[in-house]
Amino acid sequence: MKSLTMAALVGCVALLPAAASAAESKDKKAKDPNEVVCRKEEVLGSRLQSRKVCMTRAEWADTRRENRSNIERAQVQRPLNGQ
């Protein structure tokens, strides 16, 4: 039984490089930084409204990086309990 399981694992591992190279070619094609991507964002204060926001992939990455930086800064600067 163990030899059968080991053979299945070896077979799966042998297929990984081919699957990874196929996924990489799709990622390279899909990750054009100048491609415009539109997303729906919920409007604050409303449960039903949403708005469509369109930016390039590079702009989305910059926005995500800036938001993460702001959150980390706020977490570091928060006051400790009892002070």
N, C-alpha and C. Protein backbone atom coordinates (compact mmCIF):
# COMPACT_ATOMS: atom_id res chain seq x y z
N MET A 1 0.83 -1.19 0.00
CA MET A 1 0.00 0.00 0.00
C MET A 1 0.86 1.25 0.00
N LYS A 2 1.96 1.24 0.81
CA LYS A 2 2.83 2.40 0.87
C LYS A 2 3.50 2.67 -0.46
N SER A 3 3.87 1.59 -1.17
CA SER A 3 4.54 1.78 -2.46
C SER A 3 3.59 2.41 -3.48
N LEU A 4 2.32 2.07 -3.41
CA LEU A 4 1.34 2.64 -4.30
C LEU A 4 1.15 4.13 -4.01
N THR A 5 1.09 4.49 -2.73
CA THR A 5 0.96 5.89 -2.34
C THR A 5 2.19 6.68 -2.76
N MET A 6 3.37 6.10 -2.56
CA MET A 6 4.60 6.77 -2.93
C MET A 6 4.66 6.96 -4.44
N ALA A 7 4.22 5.99 -5.19
CA ALA A 7 4.23 6.09 -6.65
C ALA A 7 3.28 7.20 -7.10
N ALA A 8 2.14 7.32 -6.44
CA ALA A 8 1.19 8.38 -6.78
C ALA A 8 1.79 9.74 -6.49
N LEU A 9 2.47 9.87 -5.36
CA LEU A 9 3.12 11.14 -5.02
C LEU A 9 4.20 11.51 -6.03
N VAL A 10 5.01 10.54 -6.40
CA VAL A 10 6.07 10.79 -7.37
C VAL A 10 5.47 11.21 -8.71
N GLY A 11 4.38 10.60 -9.09
CA GLY A 11 3.70 10.96 -10.34
C GLY A 11 3.17 12.38 -10.29
N CYS A 12 2.62 12.77 -9.16
CA CYS A 12 2.10 14.13 -9.00
C CYS A 12 3.21 15.15 -9.03
N VAL A 13 4.32 14.83 -8.36
CA VAL A 13 5.45 15.76 -8.32
C VAL A 13 6.03 15.94 -9.72
N ALA A 14 6.03 14.89 -10.51
CA ALA A 14 6.55 14.98 -11.87
C ALA A 14 5.71 15.91 -12.72
N LEU A 15 4.42 16.02 -12.43
CA LEU A 15 3.54 16.88 -13.21
C LEU A 15 3.61 18.35 -12.81
N LEU A 16 4.12 18.65 -11.62
CA LEU A 16 4.14 20.02 -11.12
C LEU A 16 4.89 21.00 -12.01
N PRO A 17 6.08 20.69 -12.51
CA PRO A 17 6.77 21.68 -13.34
C PRO A 17 5.98 22.07 -14.59
N ALA A 18 5.31 21.12 -15.21
CA ALA A 18 4.51 21.43 -16.39
C ALA A 18 3.34 22.33 -16.03
N ALA A 19 2.68 22.03 -14.92
CA ALA A 19 1.55 22.85 -14.48
C ALA A 19 2.02 24.23 -14.08
N ALA A 20 3.17 24.32 -13.43
CA ALA A 20 3.69 25.61 -13.00
C ALA A 20 4.05 26.48 -14.20
N SER A 21 4.66 25.89 -15.23
CA SER A 21 5.03 26.69 -16.39
C SER A 21 3.79 27.17 -17.14
N ALA A 22 2.73 26.37 -17.17
CA ALA A 22 1.49 26.79 -17.81
C ALA A 22 0.85 27.94 -17.03
N ALA A 23 0.88 27.86 -15.71
CA ALA A 23 0.32 28.91 -14.87
C ALA A 23 1.13 30.19 -15.00
N GLU A 24 2.45 30.08 -15.10
CA GLU A 24 3.31 31.26 -15.24
C GLU A 24 3.02 31.97 -16.54
N SER A 25 2.81 31.23 -17.63
CA SER A 25 2.55 31.88 -18.90
C SER A 25 1.21 32.62 -18.87
N LYS A 26 0.22 32.09 -18.15
CA LYS A 26 -1.05 32.79 -18.00
C LYS A 26 -0.88 34.04 -17.14
N ASP A 27 -0.09 33.93 -16.05
CA ASP A 27 0.14 35.06 -15.16
C ASP A 27 0.88 36.18 -15.87
N LYS A 28 1.89 35.84 -16.66
CA LYS A 28 2.65 36.86 -17.37
C LYS A 28 1.74 37.60 -18.35
N LYS A 29 0.87 36.88 -19.00
CA LYS A 29 -0.04 37.48 -19.96
C LYS A 29 -1.07 38.36 -19.25
N ALA A 30 -1.53 37.94 -18.09
CA ALA A 30 -2.60 38.63 -17.39
C ALA A 30 -2.10 39.78 -16.52
N LYS A 31 -0.80 39.91 -16.30
CA LYS A 31 -0.28 40.90 -15.37
C LYS A 31 0.33 42.11 -16.07
N ASP A 32 -0.25 42.55 -17.15
CA ASP A 32 0.20 43.76 -17.81
C ASP A 32 -0.11 44.94 -16.90
N PRO A 33 0.89 45.70 -16.44
CA PRO A 33 0.65 46.78 -15.49
C PRO A 33 -0.19 47.93 -16.06
N ASN A 34 -0.30 48.01 -17.37
CA ASN A 34 -1.07 49.08 -17.99
C ASN A 34 -2.50 48.68 -18.32
N GLU A 35 -2.85 47.43 -18.05
CA GLU A 35 -4.21 46.96 -18.30
C GLU A 35 -5.17 47.59 -17.30
N VAL A 36 -6.29 48.09 -17.79
CA VAL A 36 -7.29 48.72 -16.92
C VAL A 36 -8.19 47.63 -16.35
N VAL A 37 -8.35 47.66 -15.02
CA VAL A 37 -9.18 46.70 -14.32
C VAL A 37 -10.25 47.47 -13.56
N CYS A 38 -11.50 47.06 -13.71
CA CYS A 38 -12.60 47.72 -13.00
C CYS A 38 -13.11 46.78 -11.90
N ARG A 39 -13.41 47.39 -10.75
CA ARG A 39 -13.93 46.64 -9.61
C ARG A 39 -15.12 47.38 -9.03
N LYS A 40 -16.02 46.64 -8.41
CA LYS A 40 -17.13 47.25 -7.70
C LYS A 40 -16.74 47.42 -6.25
N GLU A 41 -16.95 48.62 -5.72
CA GLU A 41 -16.67 48.89 -4.31
C GLU A 41 -17.95 49.33 -3.64
N GLU A 42 -18.15 48.86 -2.42
CA GLU A 42 -19.34 49.24 -1.66
C GLU A 42 -19.21 50.68 -1.19
N VAL A 43 -20.33 51.38 -1.18
CA VAL A 43 -20.37 52.76 -0.71
C VAL A 43 -20.53 52.72 0.80
N LEU A 44 -19.66 53.44 1.51
CA LEU A 44 -19.76 53.49 2.97
C LEU A 44 -21.08 54.10 3.39
N GLY A 45 -21.72 53.49 4.39
CA GLY A 45 -22.99 53.99 4.88
C GLY A 45 -24.19 53.41 4.16
N SER A 46 -23.96 52.54 3.21
CA SER A 46 -25.06 51.94 2.48
C SER A 46 -24.82 50.44 2.35
N ARG A 47 -25.89 49.69 2.52
CA ARG A 47 -25.76 48.24 2.34
C ARG A 47 -26.02 47.82 0.91
N LEU A 48 -26.63 48.70 0.13
CA LEU A 48 -27.05 48.30 -1.20
C LEU A 48 -26.28 48.97 -2.33
N GLN A 49 -25.76 50.14 -2.10
CA GLN A 49 -25.10 50.87 -3.17
C GLN A 49 -23.67 50.38 -3.37
N SER A 50 -23.23 50.44 -4.62
CA SER A 50 -21.85 50.17 -4.95
C SER A 50 -21.47 51.08 -6.10
N ARG A 51 -20.18 51.27 -6.29
CA ARG A 51 -19.73 52.10 -7.39
C ARG A 51 -18.62 51.36 -8.12
N LYS A 52 -18.47 51.68 -9.38
CA LYS A 52 -17.47 51.04 -10.21
C LYS A 52 -16.22 51.91 -10.23
N VAL A 53 -15.07 51.31 -9.89
CA VAL A 53 -13.81 52.03 -9.87
C VAL A 53 -12.88 51.34 -10.87
N CYS A 54 -12.33 52.13 -11.79
CA CYS A 54 -11.43 51.59 -12.80
C CYS A 54 -10.05 52.23 -12.66
N MET A 55 -9.02 51.39 -12.60
CA MET A 55 -7.63 51.83 -12.53
C MET A 55 -6.77 50.80 -13.25
N THR A 56 -5.54 51.19 -13.56
CA THR A 56 -4.62 50.21 -14.13
C THR A 56 -4.14 49.29 -13.03
N ARG A 57 -3.57 48.15 -13.42
CA ARG A 57 -3.05 47.21 -12.43
C ARG A 57 -1.98 47.87 -11.57
N ALA A 58 -1.15 48.72 -12.16
CA ALA A 58 -0.11 49.42 -11.39
C ALA A 58 -0.74 50.35 -10.36
N GLU A 59 -1.80 51.05 -10.74
CA GLU A 59 -2.48 51.95 -9.80
C GLU A 59 -3.13 51.16 -8.66
N TRP A 60 -3.73 49.99 -8.98
CA TRP A 60 -4.32 49.16 -7.94
C TRP A 60 -3.23 48.71 -6.97
N ALA A 61 -2.07 48.32 -7.49
CA ALA A 61 -0.97 47.87 -6.64
C ALA A 61 -0.49 49.01 -5.74
N ASP A 62 -0.37 50.22 -6.29
CA ASP A 62 0.04 51.38 -5.49
C ASP A 62 -0.97 51.68 -4.39
N THR A 63 -2.24 51.62 -4.72
CA THR A 63 -3.30 51.88 -3.74
C THR A 63 -3.27 50.84 -2.63
N ARG A 64 -3.11 49.58 -3.01
CA ARG A 64 -3.04 48.49 -2.03
C ARG A 64 -1.82 48.67 -1.11
N ARG A 65 -0.67 49.02 -1.70
CA ARG A 65 0.55 49.23 -0.93
C ARG A 65 0.39 50.41 0.03
N GLU A 66 -0.22 51.49 -0.43
CA GLU A 66 -0.44 52.67 0.41
C GLU A 66 -1.40 52.36 1.56
N ASN A 67 -2.48 51.64 1.27
CA ASN A 67 -3.43 51.26 2.32
C ASN A 67 -2.76 50.39 3.38
N ARG A 68 -1.97 49.43 2.94
CA ARG A 68 -1.28 48.55 3.88
C ARG A 68 -0.31 49.36 4.75
N SER A 69 0.39 50.30 4.15
CA SER A 69 1.33 51.15 4.89
C SER A 69 0.59 51.98 5.94
N ASN A 70 -0.55 52.55 5.57
CA ASN A 70 -1.33 53.35 6.51
C ASN A 70 -1.84 52.51 7.68
N ILE A 71 -2.27 51.30 7.41
CA ILE A 71 -2.75 50.41 8.47
C ILE A 71 -1.62 50.04 9.41
N GLU A 72 -0.46 49.69 8.85
CA GLU A 72 0.68 49.34 9.70
C GLU A 72 1.12 50.53 10.54
N ARG A 73 1.12 51.72 9.96
CA ARG A 73 1.50 52.92 10.70
C ARG A 73 0.53 53.17 11.85
N ALA A 74 -0.76 53.01 11.61
CA ALA A 74 -1.77 53.22 12.66
C ALA A 74 -1.63 52.19 13.77
N GLN A 75 -1.28 50.96 13.44
CA GLN A 75 -1.13 49.92 14.45
C GLN A 75 0.11 50.16 15.31
N VAL A 76 1.15 50.68 14.71
CA VAL A 76 2.38 50.94 15.45
C VAL A 76 2.21 52.14 16.36
N GLN A 77 1.45 53.14 15.94
CA GLN A 77 1.32 54.38 16.68
C GLN A 77 0.21 54.36 17.73
N ARG A 78 -0.56 53.30 17.81
CA ARG A 78 -1.66 53.28 18.77
C ARG A 78 -1.12 53.25 20.20
N PRO A 79 -1.81 53.88 21.11
CA PRO A 79 -1.33 53.94 22.50
C PRO A 79 -1.47 52.58 23.19
N LEU A 80 -0.54 52.31 24.10
CA LEU A 80 -0.58 51.08 24.88
C LEU A 80 -1.63 51.20 25.97
N ASN A 81 -2.19 50.07 26.41
CA ASN A 81 -3.19 50.09 27.49
C ASN A 81 -2.54 50.54 28.79
N GLY A 82 -3.24 51.38 29.55
CA GLY A 82 -2.76 51.83 30.84
C GLY A 82 -1.84 53.03 30.78
N GLN A 83 -1.66 53.61 29.61
CA GLN A 83 -0.79 54.79 29.51
C GLN A 83 -1.53 55.97 28.98
